[in-house]
Protein backbone atom coordinates (compact mmCIF):
# COMPACT_ATOMS: atom_id res chain seq x y z
CA MET A 1 48.41 -11.24 0.63
CA ASN A 2 47.81 -12.32 -2.74
CA TRP A 3 46.17 -10.91 -5.22
CA GLU A 4 42.70 -13.83 -5.44
CA GLN A 5 42.75 -13.09 -1.95
CA GLY A 6 42.45 -9.19 -2.08
CA LYS A 7 40.02 -9.49 -5.11
CA ALA A 8 38.05 -11.60 -2.78
CA ILE A 9 38.22 -9.36 0.07
CA LEU A 10 36.69 -6.68 -2.46
CA ALA A 11 34.04 -8.55 -3.89
CA MET A 12 33.01 -9.27 0.06
CA GLY A 13 32.60 -5.84 0.92
CA GLY A 14 30.94 -4.52 -2.38
CA THR A 15 28.63 -7.24 -1.70
CA LEU A 16 28.04 -5.90 1.83
CA VAL A 17 28.08 -2.77 0.07
CA LEU A 18 25.10 -3.23 -1.99
CA MET A 19 23.27 -5.58 0.69
CA LEU A 20 23.19 -2.34 3.10
CA LEU A 21 21.39 -0.14 -0.04
CA THR A 22 19.23 -2.73 -0.83
CA LEU A 23 18.16 -2.47 2.53
CA LEU A 24 18.20 1.12 3.19
CA GLY A 25 16.38 1.86 -0.36
CA ALA A 26 13.61 -1.25 1.35
CA TRP A 27 13.08 1.18 4.58
CA TRP A 28 12.74 3.87 2.11
CA VAL A 29 10.08 2.54 -0.20
CA SER A 30 8.26 1.13 2.76
CA ARG A 31 7.82 4.50 4.70
CA LEU A 32 6.91 6.13 1.45
CA VAL A 33 3.78 3.77 1.27
CA GLY A 34 2.92 3.80 4.62
CA ARG A 35 2.61 7.61 3.42
CA ALA A 36 -0.17 7.08 0.86
CA GLY A 37 -2.77 6.11 3.96
CA GLN A 38 -3.03 9.75 3.25
CA LEU A 39 -3.89 11.00 0.19
CA LYS A 40 -4.55 14.66 -0.04
CA MET A 41 -8.01 15.22 -1.86
CA PRO A 42 -9.08 18.27 -4.52
CA GLY A 43 -10.93 21.04 -2.28
CA GLY A 44 -8.53 19.92 0.58
CA SER A 45 -10.80 17.03 2.09
CA ARG A 46 -8.60 13.97 3.25
CA VAL A 47 -8.66 10.72 2.40
CA THR A 48 -6.99 8.77 5.44
CA VAL A 49 -6.27 4.21 6.24
CA LEU A 50 -7.91 4.37 9.94
CA GLU A 51 -7.27 0.51 10.14
CA ARG A 52 -6.80 -2.68 7.74
CA THR A 53 -7.44 -5.86 8.68
CA PRO A 54 -6.54 -9.23 6.86
CA VAL A 55 -10.08 -11.27 7.10
CA GLY A 56 -8.41 -13.59 3.62
CA ARG A 57 -5.36 -14.47 1.24
CA ASP A 58 -6.07 -11.45 -1.11
CA SER A 59 -8.98 -9.76 1.07
CA SER A 60 -9.30 -7.26 3.40
CA LEU A 61 -10.83 -5.11 5.64
CA ALA A 62 -10.85 -1.31 5.98
CA VAL A 63 -11.57 1.83 7.85
CA VAL A 64 -11.40 4.48 5.86
CA ARG A 65 -12.09 8.55 6.75
CA ALA A 66 -13.39 10.79 3.49
CA GLY A 67 -14.15 13.69 4.82
CA ASP A 68 -16.05 13.20 7.76
CA ARG A 69 -17.13 10.31 7.15
CA VAL A 70 -15.63 7.21 8.04
CA LEU A 71 -16.48 3.48 5.87
CA LEU A 72 -15.91 0.31 6.69
CA LEU A 73 -14.69 -0.91 2.98
CA GLY A 74 -14.47 -4.35 1.83
CA VAL A 75 -10.86 -4.70 -0.43
CA THR A 76 -10.13 -7.80 -2.43
CA PRO A 77 -7.07 -7.09 -5.62
CA HIS A 78 -10.20 -6.85 -7.86
CA GLN A 79 -12.91 -4.06 -6.43
CA ILE A 80 -13.08 -1.80 -3.12
CA GLN A 81 -16.77 -2.49 -1.83
CA LYS A 82 -18.54 0.15 0.44
CA LEU A 83 -19.60 -2.13 3.58
CA ASP A 84 -20.94 0.34 6.12
CA GLU A 85 -20.84 3.47 7.47
CA LEU A 86 -19.10 3.59 10.47
CA ASP A 87 -19.99 6.11 13.68
CA PRO A 88 -17.29 8.76 12.97
CA ALA A 89 -17.43 9.45 16.85
CA LEU A 90 -15.64 5.54 16.57
CA TYR A 91 -12.78 7.04 15.35
CA PRO A 92 -11.70 11.21 16.64
CA GLU A 93 -9.56 13.13 14.83
CA GLY A 94 -7.05 15.95 17.03
CA GLU A 95 -5.64 14.26 20.23
CA ALA A 96 -8.55 11.62 20.54
CA ALA A 97 -7.33 10.46 17.33
CA ARG A 98 -3.98 8.41 19.60
CA THR A 99 -5.91 6.02 21.00
CA PRO A 100 -8.10 4.36 18.32
CA PRO A 101 -11.06 1.77 19.36
CA ASP A 102 -10.83 -1.75 18.96
CA PHE A 103 -11.61 -2.39 15.56
CA MET A 104 -13.22 -6.17 16.32
CA ASP A 105 -15.83 -3.65 18.64
CA CYS A 106 -16.13 -1.61 15.85
CA LEU A 107 -16.98 -4.14 13.73
CA LYS A 108 -18.78 -6.32 15.93
CA LYS A 109 -21.50 -3.42 16.14
CA ALA A 110 -22.04 -2.52 12.15
CA VAL A 111 -22.30 -6.25 12.36
CA ARG A 112 -25.15 -6.02 14.79
CA GLU A 113 -26.50 -3.43 13.37
CA LYS A 114 -26.99 -4.32 9.84
CA ARG A 115 -28.72 -7.28 11.07
CA GLY A 116 -30.99 -5.27 13.32
CA LYS A 117 -31.76 -3.40 9.81
CA HIS A 118 -32.32 -6.81 7.53
CA ASN A 119 -34.80 -7.52 9.77
CA GLY A 120 -36.68 -5.35 9.73
CA GLU A 121 -36.12 -3.46 13.25
CA ASP A 122 -35.56 0.40 14.43
CA GLY A 123 -32.71 0.20 16.22
CA PRO A 124 -29.19 -2.96 16.50
CA ARG A 125 -29.76 -5.96 18.68
CA GLN A 126 -27.99 -6.49 21.48
């Protein structure tokens, strides 16, 4: 093996090490960002993103627990808007929280309740 072949092998090895370090860094950052869904707030309450569903290119719906309230939020790059307040019983904490309710069922229920309020009805329509 001559000097040129040795340099080529070292260059490939260095490239492989850099690629592995890049992948490791990306994995570490994704873990860090994943934990950002739970932010500690002053006063001991917590804000937790329970679910997030994209509804467009740059917009999504998010179900968020803020203290003892569960909110449905519309999220775009320019604003976050409260769309509705959901029943906290649908998103229990602790052991029951391991199997979350179906997001679409909760969304349909919230839309039905919202329509009932706009139509002057007392409760949700079935």
